Amino acid sequence: MMKILVVDDEESIRLLYKEELEEDGFVVEVAKDGLDALKQVPLFKPDLITLDIKMPGLNGIETLKRIREMERQVLIVMCSAYGEYKQDLTTWASDAYVVKCADLTELKNTIRRLLRLL
């Protein structure tokens, strides 16, 4: 089974993503912020990470940089309610960028495409 780490400071988002992705057959763990994610990556060894950009403390862009230093091969999908970050060159180190939406179709399709499940 493929493993996904969901990193978001909003508990409702973490729970929604976890529930929806588990229903699709993934093993899912959650992290409440960037520091929590950095602790979980070497232990959980996810195949893919969904990573919020705007988080208190260590933001998603800095977390992305640090994860890439630790685990070059893990796939990372940046998720933000703010579409303007898509043009930010610092997010280009991720494998994909998805604007948050109540409809998780785009996120799920992006995950499946990256994991070559489509």
PDB file of N, CA and C in Angstrom:
ATOM      1  N   MET A   1       0.836  -1.199   0.000  1.00  0.00           N
ATOM      2  CA  MET A   1       0.000   0.000   0.000  1.00  0.00           C
ATOM      3  C   MET A   1       0.870   1.247   0.000  1.00  0.00           C
ATOM      4  N   MET A   2       0.437   2.235  -0.745  1.00  0.00           N
ATOM      5  CA  MET A   2       1.151   3.503  -0.823  1.00  0.00           C
ATOM      6  C   MET A   2       0.848   4.332   0.421  1.00  0.00           C
ATOM      7  N   LYS A   3       1.882   5.046   0.900  1.00  0.00           N
ATOM      8  CA  LYS A   3       1.752   5.831   2.126  1.00  0.00           C
ATOM      9  C   LYS A   3       1.812   7.321   1.823  1.00  0.00           C
ATOM     10  N   ILE A   4       0.877   8.058   2.444  1.00  0.00           N
ATOM     11  CA  ILE A   4       0.787   9.504   2.253  1.00  0.00           C
ATOM     12  C   ILE A   4       0.848  10.195   3.610  1.00  0.00           C
ATOM     13  N   LEU A   5       1.664  11.248   3.675  1.00  0.00           N
ATOM     14  CA  LEU A   5       1.725  12.102   4.859  1.00  0.00           C
ATOM     15  C   LEU A   5       1.027  13.416   4.519  1.00  0.00           C
ATOM     16  N   VAL A   6      -0.006  13.758   5.279  1.00  0.00           N
ATOM     17  CA  VAL A   6      -0.756  15.004   5.096  1.00  0.00           C
ATOM     18  C   VAL A   6      -0.244  16.015   6.115  1.00  0.00           C
ATOM     19  N   VAL A   7       0.256  17.151   5.631  1.00  0.00           N
ATOM     20  CA  VAL A   7       0.800  18.190   6.506  1.00  0.00           C
ATOM     21  C   VAL A   7      -0.040  19.445   6.342  1.00  0.00           C
ATOM     22  N   ASP A   8      -0.757  19.806   7.402  1.00  0.00           N
ATOM     23  CA  ASP A   8      -1.613  20.996   7.370  1.00  0.00           C
ATOM     24  C   ASP A   8      -1.871  21.443   8.801  1.00  0.00           C
ATOM     25  N   ASP A   9      -1.877  22.756   9.020  1.00  0.00           N
ATOM     26  CA  ASP A   9      -2.114  23.263  10.371  1.00  0.00           C
ATOM     27  C   ASP A   9      -3.590  23.264  10.735  1.00  0.00           C
ATOM     28  N   GLU A  10      -4.475  23.080   9.755  1.00  0.00           N
ATOM     29  CA  GLU A  10      -5.911  23.045  10.037  1.00  0.00           C
ATOM     30  C   GLU A  10      -6.357  21.600  10.269  1.00  0.00           C
ATOM     31  N   GLU A  11      -6.831  21.341  11.476  1.00  0.00           N
ATOM     32  CA  GLU A  11      -7.236  19.981  11.826  1.00  0.00           C
ATOM     33  C   GLU A  11      -8.325  19.450  10.900  1.00  0.00           C
ATOM     34  N   SER A  12      -9.285  20.288  10.529  1.00  0.00           N
ATOM     35  CA  SER A  12     -10.375  19.831   9.668  1.00  0.00           C
ATOM     36  C   SER A  12      -9.857  19.363   8.312  1.00  0.00           C
ATOM     37  N   ILE A  13      -8.846  20.048   7.780  1.00  0.00           N
ATOM     38  CA  ILE A  13      -8.252  19.641   6.500  1.00  0.00           C
ATOM     39  C   ILE A  13      -7.522  18.309   6.672  1.00  0.00           C
ATOM     40  N   ARG A  14      -6.741  18.196   7.741  1.00  0.00           N
ATOM     41  CA  ARG A  14      -6.012  16.939   7.989  1.00  0.00           C
ATOM     42  C   ARG A  14      -6.980  15.759   8.060  1.00  0.00           C
ATOM     43  N   LEU A  15      -8.058  15.937   8.798  1.00  0.00           N
ATOM     44  CA  LEU A  15      -9.020  14.850   8.970  1.00  0.00           C
ATOM     45  C   LEU A  15      -9.745  14.528   7.659  1.00  0.00           C
ATOM     46  N   LEU A  16     -10.122  15.558   6.906  1.00  0.00           N
ATOM     47  CA  LEU A  16     -10.801  15.347   5.624  1.00  0.00           C
ATOM     48  C   LEU A  16      -9.898  14.588   4.658  1.00  0.00           C
ATOM     49  N   TYR A  17      -8.660  15.056   4.485  1.00  0.00           N
ATOM     50  CA  TYR A  17      -7.726  14.396   3.575  1.00  0.00           C
ATOM     51  C   TYR A  17      -7.468  12.961   4.021  1.00  0.00           C
ATOM     52  N   LYS A  18      -7.254  12.769   5.315  1.00  0.00           N
ATOM     53  CA  LYS A  18      -6.978  11.422   5.840  1.00  0.00           C
ATOM     54  C   LYS A  18      -8.134  10.482   5.524  1.00  0.00           C
ATOM     55  N   GLU A  19      -9.349  10.907   5.843  1.00  0.00           N
ATOM     56  CA  GLU A  19     -10.522  10.066   5.616  1.00  0.00           C
ATOM     57  C   GLU A  19     -10.697   9.738   4.132  1.00  0.00           C
ATOM     58  N   GLU A  20     -10.628  10.761   3.296  1.00  0.00           N
ATOM     59  CA  GLU A  20     -10.837  10.576   1.856  1.00  0.00           C
ATOM     60  C   GLU A  20      -9.755   9.695   1.233  1.00  0.00           C
ATOM     61  N   LEU A  21      -8.514   9.914   1.614  1.00  0.00           N
ATOM     62  CA  LEU A  21      -7.414   9.146   1.024  1.00  0.00           C
ATOM     63  C   LEU A  21      -7.383   7.711   1.537  1.00  0.00           C
ATOM     64  N   GLU A  22      -7.772   7.507   2.790  1.00  0.00           N
ATOM     65  CA  GLU A  22      -7.864   6.134   3.309  1.00  0.00           C
ATOM     66  C   GLU A  22      -8.968   5.370   2.591  1.00  0.00           C
ATOM     67  N   GLU A  23     -10.066   6.056   2.275  1.00  0.00           N
ATOM     68  CA  GLU A  23     -11.148   5.417   1.520  1.00  0.00           C
ATOM     69  C   GLU A  23     -10.664   4.972   0.143  1.00  0.00           C
ATOM     70  N   ASP A  24      -9.661   5.672  -0.395  1.00  0.00           N
ATOM     71  CA  ASP A  24      -9.092   5.325  -1.695  1.00  0.00           C
ATOM     72  C   ASP A  24      -7.997   4.268  -1.579  1.00  0.00           C
ATOM     73  N   GLY A  25      -7.768   3.756  -0.360  1.00  0.00           N
ATOM     74  CA  GLY A  25      -6.839   2.654  -0.184  1.00  0.00           C
ATOM     75  C   GLY A  25      -5.425   3.020   0.227  1.00  0.00           C
ATOM     76  N   PHE A  26      -5.185   4.286   0.552  1.00  0.00           N
ATOM     77  CA  PHE A  26      -3.858   4.705   0.988  1.00  0.00           C
ATOM     78  C   PHE A  26      -3.714   4.569   2.501  1.00  0.00           C
ATOM     79  N   VAL A  27      -2.486   4.377   2.955  1.00  0.00           N
ATOM     80  CA  VAL A  27      -2.159   4.450   4.378  1.00  0.00           C
ATOM     81  C   VAL A  27      -1.793   5.912   4.617  1.00  0.00           C
ATOM     82  N   VAL A  28      -2.471   6.566   5.576  1.00  0.00           N
ATOM     83  CA  VAL A  28      -2.300   8.009   5.758  1.00  0.00           C
ATOM     84  C   VAL A  28      -1.927   8.339   7.200  1.00  0.00           C
ATOM     85  N   GLU A  29      -0.913   9.178   7.330  1.00  0.00           N
ATOM     86  CA  GLU A  29      -0.547   9.776   8.608  1.00  0.00           C
ATOM     87  C   GLU A  29      -0.676  11.286   8.436  1.00  0.00           C
ATOM     88  N   VAL A  30      -0.820  11.997   9.556  1.00  0.00           N
ATOM     89  CA  VAL A  30      -0.962  13.447   9.493  1.00  0.00           C
ATOM     90  C   VAL A  30       0.090  14.129  10.360  1.00  0.00           C
ATOM     91  N   ALA A  31       0.422  15.362   9.961  1.00  0.00           N
ATOM     92  CA  ALA A  31       1.331  16.197  10.732  1.00  0.00           C
ATOM     93  C   ALA A  31       0.709  17.580  10.823  1.00  0.00           C
ATOM     94  N   LYS A  32       0.814  18.193  12.012  1.00  0.00           N
ATOM     95  CA  LYS A  32       0.137  19.470  12.255  1.00  0.00           C
ATOM     96  C   LYS A  32       0.932  20.694  11.804  1.00  0.00           C
ATOM     97  N   ASP A  33       2.214  20.498  11.496  1.00  0.00           N
ATOM     98  CA  ASP A  33       3.043  21.616  11.039  1.00  0.00           C
ATOM     99  C   ASP A  33       4.328  21.065  10.428  1.00  0.00           C
ATOM    100  N   GLY A  34       5.187  21.974   9.980  1.00  0.00           N
ATOM    101  CA  GLY A  34       6.415  21.570   9.325  1.00  0.00           C
ATOM    102  C   GLY A  34       7.356  20.782  10.214  1.00  0.00           C
ATOM    103  N   LEU A  35       7.507  21.208  11.458  1.00  0.00           N
ATOM    104  CA  LEU A  35       8.404  20.488  12.374  1.00  0.00           C
ATOM    105  C   LEU A  35       7.910  19.075  12.648  1.00  0.00           C
ATOM    106  N   ASP A  36       6.610  18.930  12.817  1.00  0.00           N
ATOM    107  CA  ASP A  36       6.014  17.615  13.014  1.00  0.00           C
ATOM    108  C   ASP A  36       6.274  16.739  11.781  1.00  0.00           C
ATOM    109  N   ALA A  37       6.135  17.319  10.609  1.00  0.00           N
ATOM    110  CA  ALA A  37       6.374  16.582   9.364  1.00  0.00           C
ATOM    111  C   ALA A  37       7.819  16.107   9.284  1.00  0.00           C
ATOM    112  N   LEU A  38       8.771  16.983   9.626  1.00  0.00           N
ATOM    113  CA  LEU A  38      10.186  16.619   9.553  1.00  0.00           C
ATOM    114  C   LEU A  38      10.521  15.459  10.485  1.00  0.00           C
ATOM    115  N   LYS A  39       9.814  15.356  11.597  1.00  0.00           N
ATOM    116  CA  LYS A  39      10.014  14.230  12.512  1.00  0.00           C
ATOM    117  C   LYS A  39       9.425  12.939  11.934  1.00  0.00           C
ATOM    118  N   GLN A  40       8.276  13.072  11.236  1.00  0.00           N
ATOM    119  CA  GLN A  40       7.569  11.888  10.757  1.00  0.00           C
ATOM    120  C   GLN A  40       8.142  11.297   9.470  1.00  0.00           C
ATOM    121  N   VAL A  41       8.725  12.125   8.617  1.00  0.00           N
ATOM    122  CA  VAL A  41       9.201  11.642   7.317  1.00  0.00           C
ATOM    123  C   VAL A  41      10.158  10.456   7.443  1.00  0.00           C
ATOM    124  N   PRO A  42      11.215  10.531   8.264  1.00  0.00           N
ATOM    125  CA  PRO A  42      12.121   9.377   8.326  1.00  0.00           C
ATOM    126  C   PRO A  42      11.513   8.145   9.001  1.00  0.00           C
ATOM    127  N   LEU A  43      10.507   8.340   9.842  1.00  0.00           N
ATOM    128  CA  LEU A  43       9.875   7.222  10.539  1.00  0.00           C
ATOM    129  C   LEU A  43       8.793   6.553   9.693  1.00  0.00           C
ATOM    130  N   PHE A  44       7.925   7.362   9.081  1.00  0.00           N
ATOM    131  CA  PHE A  44       6.787   6.862   8.311  1.00  0.00           C
ATOM    132  C   PHE A  44       7.193   6.468   6.890  1.00  0.00           C
ATOM    133  N   LYS A  45       8.203   7.139   6.347  1.00  0.00           N
ATOM    134  CA  LYS A  45       8.690   6.908   4.986  1.00  0.00           C
ATOM    135  C   LYS A  45       7.563   6.959   3.953  1.00  0.00           C
ATOM    136  N   PRO A  46       6.912   8.134   3.834  1.00  0.00           N
ATOM    137  CA  PRO A  46       5.799   8.243   2.890  1.00  0.00           C
ATOM    138  C   PRO A  46       6.263   8.175   1.434  1.00  0.00           C
ATOM    139  N   ASP A  47       5.364   7.711   0.578  1.00  0.00           N
ATOM    140  CA  ASP A  47       5.605   7.743  -0.861  1.00  0.00           C
ATOM    141  C   ASP A  47       5.304   9.130  -1.407  1.00  0.00           C
ATOM    142  N   LEU A  48       4.375   9.822  -0.725  1.00  0.00           N
ATOM    143  CA  LEU A  48       3.930  11.141  -1.170  1.00  0.00           C
ATOM    144  C   LEU A  48       3.542  11.968   0.048  1.00  0.00           C
ATOM    145  N   ILE A  49       3.755  13.281  -0.049  1.00  0.00           N
ATOM    146  CA  ILE A  49       3.390  14.218   1.012  1.00  0.00           C
ATOM    147  C   ILE A  49       2.525  15.308   0.422  1.00  0.00           C
ATOM    148  N   THR A  50       1.380  15.608   1.074  1.00  0.00           N
ATOM    149  CA  THR A  50       0.629  16.818   0.734  1.00  0.00           C
ATOM    150  C   THR A  50       1.058  17.855   1.761  1.00  0.00           C
ATOM    151  N   LEU A  51       1.437  19.024   1.285  1.00  0.00           N
ATOM    152  CA  LEU A  51       2.071  20.005   2.146  1.00  0.00           C
ATOM    153  C   LEU A  51       1.425  21.373   1.990  1.00  0.00           C
ATOM    154  N   ASP A  52       0.819  21.857   3.065  1.00  0.00           N
ATOM    155  CA  ASP A  52       0.238  23.200   3.095  1.00  0.00           C
ATOM    156  C   ASP A  52       1.368  24.219   3.050  1.00  0.00           C
ATOM    157  N   ILE A  53       1.119  25.379   2.478  1.00  0.00           N
ATOM    158  CA  ILE A  53       2.155  26.417   2.406  1.00  0.00           C
ATOM    159  C   ILE A  53       2.109  27.329   3.616  1.00  0.00           C
ATOM    160  N   LYS A  54       0.935  27.878   3.914  1.00  0.00           N
ATOM    161  CA  LYS A  54       0.829  28.833   5.023  1.00  0.00           C
ATOM    162  C   LYS A  54       0.565  28.107   6.326  1.00  0.00           C
ATOM    163  N   MET A  55       1.631  27.983   7.126  1.00  0.00           N
ATOM    164  CA  MET A  55       1.525  27.350   8.443  1.00  0.00           C
ATOM    165  C   MET A  55       2.349  28.176   9.415  1.00  0.00           C
ATOM    166  N   PRO A  56       1.935  28.220  10.671  1.00  0.00           N
ATOM    167  CA  PRO A  56       2.739  28.955  11.659  1.00  0.00           C
ATOM    168  C   PRO A  56       4.073  28.243  11.895  1.00  0.00           C
ATOM    169  N   GLY A  57       5.059  29.012  12.315  1.00  0.00           N
ATOM    170  CA  GLY A  57       6.377  28.437  12.556  1.00  0.00           C
ATOM    171  C   GLY A  57       7.072  28.161  11.242  1.00  0.00           C
ATOM    172  N   LEU A  58       7.357  26.909  10.979  1.00  0.00           N
ATOM    173  CA  LEU A  58       8.026  26.496   9.755  1.00  0.00           C
ATOM    174  C   LEU A  58       6.991  26.388   8.631  1.00  0.00           C
ATOM    175  N   ASN A  59       7.033  27.320   7.673  1.00  0.00           N
ATOM    176  CA  ASN A  59       6.023  27.299   6.607  1.00  0.00           C
ATOM    177  C   ASN A  59       6.305  26.160   5.620  1.00  0.00           C
ATOM    178  N   GLY A  60       5.373  25.956   4.714  1.00  0.00           N
ATOM    179  CA  GLY A  60       5.470  24.846   3.772  1.00  0.00           C
ATOM    180  C   GLY A  60       6.653  24.932   2.831  1.00  0.00           C
ATOM    181  N   ILE A  61       7.028  26.132   2.430  1.00  0.00           N
ATOM    182  CA  ILE A  61       8.150  26.285   1.503  1.00  0.00           C
ATOM    183  C   ILE A  61       9.464  25.889   2.174  1.00  0.00           C
ATOM    184  N   GLU A  62       9.663  26.315   3.414  1.00  0.00           N
ATOM    185  CA  GLU A  62      10.869  25.923   4.146  1.00  0.00           C
ATOM    186  C   GLU A  62      10.835  24.425   4.469  1.00  0.00           C
ATOM    187  N   THR A  63       9.655  23.912   4.790  1.00  0.00           N
ATOM    188  CA  THR A  63       9.512  22.476   5.054  1.00  0.00           C
ATOM    189  C   THR A  63       9.849  21.679   3.803  1.00  0.00           C
ATOM    190  N   LEU A  64       9.372  22.137   2.651  1.00  0.00           N
ATOM    191  CA  LEU A  64       9.674  21.500   1.367  1.00  0.00           C
ATOM    192  C   LEU A  64      11.184  21.415   1.160  1.00  0.00           C
ATOM    193  N   LYS A  65      11.860  22.521   1.388  1.00  0.00           N
ATOM    194  CA  LYS A  65      13.319  22.566   1.226  1.00  0.00           C
ATOM    195  C   LYS A  65      14.000  21.537   2.130  1.00  0.00           C
ATOM    196  N   ARG A  66      13.583  21.478   3.384  1.00  0.00           N
ATOM    197  CA  ARG A  66      14.215  20.558   4.339  1.00  0.00           C
ATOM    198  C   ARG A  66      13.901  19.096   4.031  1.00  0.00           C
ATOM    199  N   ILE A  67      12.678  18.833   3.583  1.00  0.00           N
ATOM    200  CA  ILE A  67      12.326  17.455   3.210  1.00  0.00           C
ATOM    201  C   ILE A  67      13.165  17.017   2.018  1.00  0.00           C
ATOM    202  N   ARG A  68      13.339  17.900   1.038  1.00  0.00           N
ATOM    203  CA  ARG A  68      14.143  17.570  -0.147  1.00  0.00           C
ATOM    204  C   ARG A  68      15.591  17.260   0.239  1.00  0.00           C
ATOM    205  N   GLU A  69      16.099  17.915   1.277  1.00  0.00           N
ATOM    206  CA  GLU A  69      17.458  17.638   1.751  1.00  0.00           C
ATOM    207  C   GLU A  69      17.539  16.255   2.404  1.00  0.00           C
ATOM    208  N   MET A  70      16.430  15.817   3.024  1.00  0.00           N
ATOM    209  CA  MET A  70      16.392  14.527   3.715  1.00  0.00           C
ATOM    210  C   MET A  70      16.072  13.372   2.765  1.00  0.00           C
ATOM    211  N   GLU A  71      15.036  13.559   1.975  1.00  0.00           N
ATOM    212  CA  GLU A  71      14.467  12.505   1.126  1.00  0.00           C
ATOM    213  C   GLU A  71      14.229  13.060  -0.271  1.00  0.00           C
ATOM    214  N   ARG A  72      15.169  12.889  -1.152  1.00  0.00           N
ATOM    215  CA  ARG A  72      15.065  13.420  -2.513  1.00  0.00           C
ATOM    216  C   ARG A  72      13.922  12.791  -3.313  1.00  0.00           C
ATOM    217  N   GLN A  73      13.626  11.518  -3.041  1.00  0.00           N
ATOM    218  CA  GLN A  73      12.712  10.767  -3.902  1.00  0.00           C
ATOM    219  C   GLN A  73      11.233  10.913  -3.551  1.00  0.00           C
ATOM    220  N   VAL A  74      10.925  11.375  -2.346  1.00  0.00           N
ATOM    221  CA  VAL A  74       9.514  11.456  -1.955  1.00  0.00           C
ATOM    222  C   VAL A  74       8.798  12.490  -2.826  1.00  0.00           C
ATOM    223  N   LEU A  75       7.601  12.137  -3.255  1.00  0.00           N
ATOM    224  CA  LEU A  75       6.783  13.042  -4.063  1.00  0.00           C
ATOM    225  C   LEU A  75       6.094  14.042  -3.142  1.00  0.00           C
ATOM    226  N   ILE A  76       6.040  15.305  -3.571  1.00  0.00           N
ATOM    227  CA  ILE A  76       5.434  16.346  -2.740  1.00  0.00           C
ATOM    228  C   ILE A  76       4.439  17.154  -3.556  1.00  0.00           C
ATOM    229  N   VAL A  77       3.214  17.249  -3.018  1.00  0.00           N
ATOM    230  CA  VAL A  77       2.166  18.069  -3.605  1.00  0.00           C
ATOM    231  C   VAL A  77       1.935  19.252  -2.679  1.00  0.00           C
ATOM    232  N   MET A  78       2.238  20.445  -3.163  1.00  0.00           N
ATOM    233  CA  MET A  78       1.962  21.654  -2.394  1.00  0.00           C
ATOM    234  C   MET A  78       0.463  21.949  -2.494  1.00  0.00           C
ATOM    235  N   CYS A  79      -0.157  22.264  -1.359  1.00  0.00           N
ATOM    236  CA  CYS A  79      -1.589  22.554  -1.313  1.00  0.00           C
ATOM    237  C   CYS A  79      -1.776  23.896  -0.622  1.00  0.00           C
ATOM    238  N   SER A  80      -2.486  24.785  -1.266  1.00  0.00           N
ATOM    239  CA  SER A  80      -2.728  26.087  -0.662  1.00  0.00           C
ATOM    240  C   SER A  80      -4.050  26.653  -1.142  1.00  0.00           C
ATOM    241  N   ALA A  81      -4.658  27.438  -0.291  1.00  0.00           N
ATOM    242  CA  ALA A  81      -5.873  28.147  -0.678  1.00  0.00           C
ATOM    243  C   ALA A  81      -5.525  29.357  -1.534  1.00  0.00           C
ATOM    244  N   TYR A  82      -4.236  29.650  -1.641  1.00  0.00           N
ATOM    245  CA  TYR A  82      -3.766  30.838  -2.341  1.00  0.00           C
ATOM    246  C   TYR A  82      -3.107  30.440  -3.658  1.00  0.00           C
ATOM    247  N   GLY A  83      -3.799  30.673  -4.760  1.00  0.00           N
ATOM    248  CA  GLY A  83      -3.319  30.295  -6.079  1.00  0.00           C
ATOM    249  C   GLY A  83      -2.063  31.025  -6.513  1.00  0.00           C
ATOM    250  N   GLU A  84      -1.794  32.199  -5.940  1.00  0.00           N
ATOM    251  CA  GLU A  84      -0.625  32.975  -6.379  1.00  0.00           C
ATOM    252  C   GLU A  84       0.699  32.279  -6.077  1.00  0.00           C
ATOM    253  N   TYR A  85       0.716  31.363  -5.143  1.00  0.00           N
ATOM    254  CA  TYR A  85       1.957  30.654  -4.839  1.00  0.00           C
ATOM    255  C   TYR A  85       2.396  29.754  -5.989  1.00  0.00           C
ATOM    256  N   LYS A  86       1.468  29.431  -6.870  1.00  0.00           N
ATOM    257  CA  LYS A  86       1.793  28.577  -8.015  1.00  0.00           C
ATOM    258  C   LYS A  86       2.872  29.225  -8.889  1.00  0.00           C
ATOM    259  N   GLN A  87       2.911  30.548  -8.897  1.00  0.00           N
ATOM    260  CA  GLN A  87       3.899  31.280  -9.692  1.00  0.00           C
ATOM    261  C   GLN A  87       5.210  31.504  -8.932  1.00  0.00           C
ATOM    262  N   ASP A  88       5.236  31.175  -7.661  1.00  0.00           N
ATOM    263  CA  ASP A  88       6.417  31.372  -6.824  1.00  0.00           C
ATOM    264  C   ASP A  88       7.447  30.288  -7.146  1.00  0.00           C
ATOM    265  N   LEU A  89       8.612  30.697  -7.584  1.00  0.00           N
ATOM    266  CA  LEU A  89       9.646  29.737  -7.985  1.00  0.00           C
ATOM    267  C   LEU A  89      10.031  28.775  -6.872  1.00  0.00           C
ATOM    268  N   THR A  90       9.881  29.188  -5.630  1.00  0.00           N
ATOM    269  CA  THR A  90      10.274  28.309  -4.522  1.00  0.00           C
ATOM    270  C   THR A  90       9.366  27.085  -4.409  1.00  0.00           C
ATOM    271  N   THR A  91       8.156  27.144  -4.959  1.00  0.00           N
ATOM    272  CA  THR A  91       7.265  25.975  -4.910  1.00  0.00           C
ATOM    273  C   THR A  91       7.574  24.998  -6.039  1.00  0.00           C
ATOM    274  N   TRP A  92       8.415  25.391  -6.981  1.00  0.00           N
ATOM    275  CA  TRP A  92       8.711  24.534  -8.130  1.00  0.00           C
ATOM    276  C   TRP A  92       9.531  23.308  -7.761  1.00  0.00           C
ATOM    277  N   ALA A  93      10.079  23.262  -6.561  1.00  0.00           N
ATOM    278  CA  ALA A  93      10.810  22.073  -6.109  1.00  0.00           C
ATOM    279  C   ALA A  93       9.841  20.944  -5.770  1.00  0.00           C
ATOM    280  N   SER A  94       8.548  21.281  -5.713  1.00  0.00           N
ATOM    281  CA  SER A  94       7.537  20.248  -5.464  1.00  0.00           C
ATOM    282  C   SER A  94       7.217  19.549  -6.781  1.00  0.00           C
ATOM    283  N   ASP A  95       6.498  18.445  -6.694  1.00  0.00           N
ATOM    284  CA  ASP A  95       6.124  17.687  -7.887  1.00  0.00           C
ATOM    285  C   ASP A  95       4.809  18.158  -8.479  1.00  0.00           C
ATOM    286  N   ALA A  96       4.005  18.843  -7.675  1.00  0.00           N
ATOM    287  CA  ALA A  96       2.721  19.363  -8.146  1.00  0.00           C
ATOM    288  C   ALA A  96       2.230  20.435  -7.187  1.00  0.00           C
ATOM    289  N   TYR A  97       1.274  21.218  -7.658  1.00  0.00           N
ATOM    290  CA  TYR A  97       0.674  22.287  -6.860  1.00  0.00           C
ATOM    291  C   TYR A  97      -0.827  22.216  -7.068  1.00  0.00           C
ATOM    292  N   VAL A  98      -1.572  22.156  -5.967  1.00  0.00           N
ATOM    293  CA  VAL A  98      -3.032  22.079  -6.043  1.00  0.00           C
ATOM    294  C   VAL A  98      -3.616  23.164  -5.152  1.00  0.00           C
ATOM    295  N   VAL A  99      -4.580  23.914  -5.695  1.00  0.00           N
ATOM    296  CA  VAL A  99      -5.285  24.912  -4.897  1.00  0.00           C
ATOM    297  C   VAL A  99      -6.350  24.175  -4.087  1.00  0.00           C
ATOM    298  N   LYS A 100      -6.365  24.427  -2.779  1.00  0.00           N
ATOM    299  CA  LYS A 100      -7.317  23.754  -1.895  1.00  0.00           C
ATOM    300  C   LYS A 100      -8.752  24.042  -2.318  1.00  0.00           C
ATOM    301  N   CYS A 101      -9.567  22.998  -2.215  1.00  0.00           N
ATOM    302  CA  CYS A 101     -10.970  23.095  -2.595  1.00  0.00           C
ATOM    303  C   CYS A 101     -11.726  22.026  -1.813  1.00  0.00           C
ATOM    304  N   ALA A 102     -13.002  22.283  -1.537  1.00  0.00           N
ATOM    305  CA  ALA A 102     -13.814  21.291  -0.829  1.00  0.00           C
ATOM    306  C   ALA A 102     -13.956  20.012  -1.653  1.00  0.00           C
ATOM    307  N   ASP A 103     -13.908  20.148  -2.966  1.00  0.00           N
ATOM    308  CA  ASP A 103     -13.943  19.003  -3.873  1.00  0.00           C
ATOM    309  C   ASP A 103     -12.502  18.511  -4.053  1.00  0.00           C
ATOM    310  N   LEU A 104     -12.218  17.316  -3.595  1.00  0.00           N
ATOM    311  CA  LEU A 104     -10.855  16.793  -3.609  1.00  0.00           C
ATOM    312  C   LEU A 104     -10.482  16.070  -4.907  1.00  0.00           C
ATOM    313  N   THR A 105     -11.310  16.210  -5.941  1.00  0.00           N
ATOM    314  CA  THR A 105     -11.060  15.518  -7.204  1.00  0.00           C
ATOM    315  C   THR A 105      -9.693  15.859  -7.787  1.00  0.00           C
ATOM    316  N   GLU A 106      -9.353  17.139  -7.855  1.00  0.00           N
ATOM    317  CA  GLU A 106      -8.066  17.533  -8.438  1.00  0.00           C
ATOM    318  C   GLU A 106      -6.903  16.976  -7.614  1.00  0.00           C
ATOM    319  N   LEU A 107      -7.008  17.062  -6.299  1.00  0.00           N
ATOM    320  CA  LEU A 107      -5.954  16.541  -5.434  1.00  0.00           C
ATOM    321  C   LEU A 107      -5.795  15.034  -5.626  1.00  0.00           C
ATOM    322  N   LYS A 108      -6.900  14.306  -5.609  1.00  0.00           N
ATOM    323  CA  LYS A 108      -6.841  12.850  -5.755  1.00  0.00           C
ATOM    324  C   LYS A 108      -6.280  12.449  -7.118  1.00  0.00           C
ATOM    325  N   ASN A 109      -6.705  13.141  -8.168  1.00  0.00           N
ATOM    326  CA  ASN A 109      -6.190  12.837  -9.507  1.00  0.00           C
ATOM    327  C   ASN A 109      -4.698  13.137  -9.609  1.00  0.00           C
ATOM    328  N   THR A 110      -4.268  14.211  -8.972  1.00  0.00           N
ATOM    329  CA  THR A 110      -2.851  14.564  -8.966  1.00  0.00           C
ATOM    330  C   THR A 110      -2.046  13.495  -8.236  1.00  0.00           C
ATOM    331  N   ILE A 111      -2.544  13.046  -7.098  1.00  0.00           N
ATOM    332  CA  ILE A 111      -1.874  11.998  -6.328  1.00  0.00           C
ATOM    333  C   ILE A 111      -1.775  10.712  -7.153  1.00  0.00           C
ATOM    334  N   ARG A 112      -2.878  10.316  -7.761  1.00  0.00           N
ATOM    335  CA  ARG A 112      -2.883   9.092  -8.570  1.00  0.00           C
ATOM    336  C   ARG A 112      -1.912   9.200  -9.749  1.00  0.00           C
ATOM    337  N   ARG A 113      -1.891  10.366 -10.391  1.00  0.00           N
ATOM    338  CA  ARG A 113      -0.985  10.577 -11.525  1.00  0.00           C
ATOM    339  C   ARG A 113       0.472  10.467 -11.071  1.00  0.00           C
ATOM    340  N   LEU A 114       0.803  11.137  -9.976  1.00  0.00           N
ATOM    341  CA  LEU A 114       2.184  11.115  -9.488  1.00  0.00           C
ATOM    342  C   LEU A 114       2.621   9.720  -9.051  1.00  0.00           C
ATOM    343  N   LEU A 115       1.702   8.990  -8.444  1.00  0.00           N
ATOM    344  CA  LEU A 115       2.003   7.623  -7.998  1.00  0.00           C
ATOM    345  C   LEU A 115       1.799   6.591  -9.113  1.00  0.00           C
ATOM    346  N   ARG A 116       1.482   7.117 -10.282  1.00  0.00           N
ATOM    347  CA  ARG A 116       1.271   6.285 -11.491  1.00  0.00           C
ATOM    348  C   ARG A 116       0.161   5.270 -11.292  1.00  0.00           C
ATOM    349  N   LEU A 117      -0.927   5.721 -10.686  1.00  0.00           N
ATOM    350  CA  LEU A 117      -2.072   4.856 -10.428  1.00  0.00           C
ATOM    351  C   LEU A 117      -3.215   5.135 -11.392  1.00  0.00           C
ATOM    352  N   LEU A 118      -3.035   6.070 -12.301  1.00  0.00           N
ATOM    353  CA  LEU A 118      -4.093   6.372 -13.284  1.00  0.00           C
ATOM    354  C   LEU A 118      -3.915   5.559 -14.527  1.00  0.00           C
TER     355      LEU A 118
END
